[in-house]
N, C-alpha and C. Protein backbone atom coordinates (compact mmCIF):
# COMPACT_ATOMS: atom_id res chain seq x y z
N MET A 1 8.06 24.90 -2.93
CA MET A 1 6.87 24.62 -3.58
C MET A 1 6.16 23.60 -4.17
N VAL A 2 7.21 22.84 -4.26
CA VAL A 2 6.98 21.22 -4.95
C VAL A 2 6.45 20.73 -3.93
N LEU A 3 7.28 20.73 -2.84
CA LEU A 3 7.11 19.94 -1.29
C LEU A 3 5.59 20.13 -0.70
N MET A 4 5.63 21.62 -1.05
CA MET A 4 3.95 21.78 -0.75
C MET A 4 3.12 21.20 -1.60
N ALA A 5 2.98 21.05 -2.62
CA ALA A 5 2.39 20.60 -3.66
C ALA A 5 1.99 19.30 -3.31
N ALA A 6 3.01 18.47 -3.29
CA ALA A 6 3.21 17.13 -2.99
C ALA A 6 2.23 16.47 -1.92
N ARG A 7 2.77 17.43 -0.51
CA ARG A 7 1.93 17.06 0.85
C ARG A 7 0.41 17.84 0.30
N GLU A 8 0.04 18.67 -0.27
CA GLU A 8 -1.54 18.90 -0.95
C GLU A 8 -2.04 17.48 -1.63
N VAL A 9 -1.11 16.88 -2.27
CA VAL A 9 -1.73 15.58 -3.34
C VAL A 9 -2.09 14.40 -2.46
N MET A 10 -0.83 14.77 -1.39
CA MET A 10 -1.29 13.48 -0.19
C MET A 10 -2.18 13.70 1.14
N ASP A 11 -2.61 14.91 1.28
CA ASP A 11 -3.43 15.05 2.04
C ASP A 11 -4.96 14.23 1.85
N GLY A 12 -4.62 13.29 2.96
CA GLY A 12 -6.00 12.28 3.63
C GLY A 12 -5.92 11.09 2.79
N ALA A 13 -4.77 10.99 2.00
CA ALA A 13 -3.97 9.31 1.69
C ALA A 13 -3.73 8.76 3.02
N GLU A 14 -4.45 7.58 2.86
CA GLU A 14 -4.17 6.13 3.66
C GLU A 14 -2.95 5.50 3.13
N VAL A 15 -2.26 5.67 4.76
CA VAL A 15 -0.74 5.22 4.22
C VAL A 15 -0.98 3.17 4.66
N PHE A 16 -0.47 2.71 3.88
CA PHE A 16 -0.37 1.03 3.73
C PHE A 16 0.49 0.61 4.57
N GLU A 17 0.53 0.06 5.66
CA GLU A 17 1.90 -0.40 6.78
C GLU A 17 1.37 -2.08 6.66
N PRO A 18 2.08 -2.84 5.49
CA PRO A 18 2.05 -4.27 5.76
C PRO A 18 2.14 -4.89 6.82
N ASP A 19 2.12 -6.02 6.99
CA ASP A 19 2.65 -6.63 8.15
C ASP A 19 3.62 -8.13 7.85
N TRP A 20 4.31 -7.56 8.32
CA TRP A 20 5.56 -8.48 7.32
C TRP A 20 5.70 -9.91 7.64
N ASP A 21 4.97 -9.73 9.00
CA ASP A 21 5.20 -11.25 9.10
C ASP A 21 4.64 -12.16 8.63
N GLU A 22 3.18 -11.38 8.98
CA GLU A 22 2.07 -12.32 8.11
C GLU A 22 2.30 -12.78 6.60
N ILE A 23 2.93 -11.78 6.01
CA ILE A 23 3.08 -11.59 4.48
C ILE A 23 4.32 -13.08 4.42
N GLY A 24 4.94 -12.73 5.35
CA GLY A 24 6.51 -13.89 4.93
C GLY A 24 5.89 -15.29 5.45
N ALA A 25 4.73 -15.63 5.97
CA ALA A 25 4.85 -16.84 6.05
C ALA A 25 3.50 -17.60 5.22
N ASP A 26 3.15 -16.53 4.49
CA ASP A 26 2.29 -16.95 3.34
C ASP A 26 2.33 -16.08 2.08
N PRO A 27 3.61 -15.99 1.34
CA PRO A 27 3.61 -14.86 0.18
C PRO A 27 2.39 -15.11 -0.85
N PRO A 28 2.50 -16.48 -1.59
CA PRO A 28 1.56 -16.64 -2.54
C PRO A 28 -0.17 -15.93 -2.12
N SER A 29 -0.64 -16.25 -0.91
CA SER A 29 -1.99 -15.92 -0.45
C SER A 29 -1.91 -14.44 -0.35
N TYR A 30 -0.63 -13.38 0.03
CA TYR A 30 -0.79 -12.13 -0.15
C TYR A 30 -1.03 -11.74 -1.73
N VAL A 31 -0.11 -11.79 -2.16
CA VAL A 31 -0.07 -11.85 -3.60
C VAL A 31 -1.52 -11.94 -4.50
N GLU A 32 -2.23 -12.83 -4.36
CA GLU A 32 -3.57 -13.39 -4.32
C GLU A 32 -4.61 -12.57 -4.00
N ASP A 33 -4.49 -11.71 -2.74
CA ASP A 33 -5.24 -10.88 -2.24
C ASP A 33 -4.67 -9.38 -2.80
N TRP A 34 -3.71 -9.50 -3.11
CA TRP A 34 -3.27 -7.90 -3.52
C TRP A 34 -3.62 -7.49 -4.69
N LYS A 35 -3.73 -8.76 -5.61
CA LYS A 35 -4.75 -8.40 -7.12
C LYS A 35 -5.52 -7.45 -7.15
N PRO A 36 -6.76 -8.20 -6.62
CA PRO A 36 -8.10 -7.30 -6.61
C PRO A 36 -8.16 -6.15 -6.13
N ALA A 37 -7.24 -6.23 -5.32
CA ALA A 37 -7.37 -4.94 -3.87
C ALA A 37 -6.72 -3.52 -4.74
N THR A 38 -5.78 -4.02 -5.93
CA THR A 38 -5.34 -2.73 -6.72
C THR A 38 -5.57 -2.74 -8.08
N GLY A 39 -6.20 -3.64 -8.75
CA GLY A 39 -6.70 -3.87 -10.08
C GLY A 39 -5.38 -4.58 -10.37
N SER A 40 -4.58 -4.94 -10.41
CA SER A 40 -3.33 -5.90 -11.11
C SER A 40 -3.43 -7.09 -11.78
């Protein structure tokens, strides 16, 4: 029952898959982009 409810909540959610090579090349820039995108 819980698993089914979790699937319903996630239905239509976009899965974020970061490009770790890009992030590793310039972490401060990535963090600065992340803040406005997430409201952090």
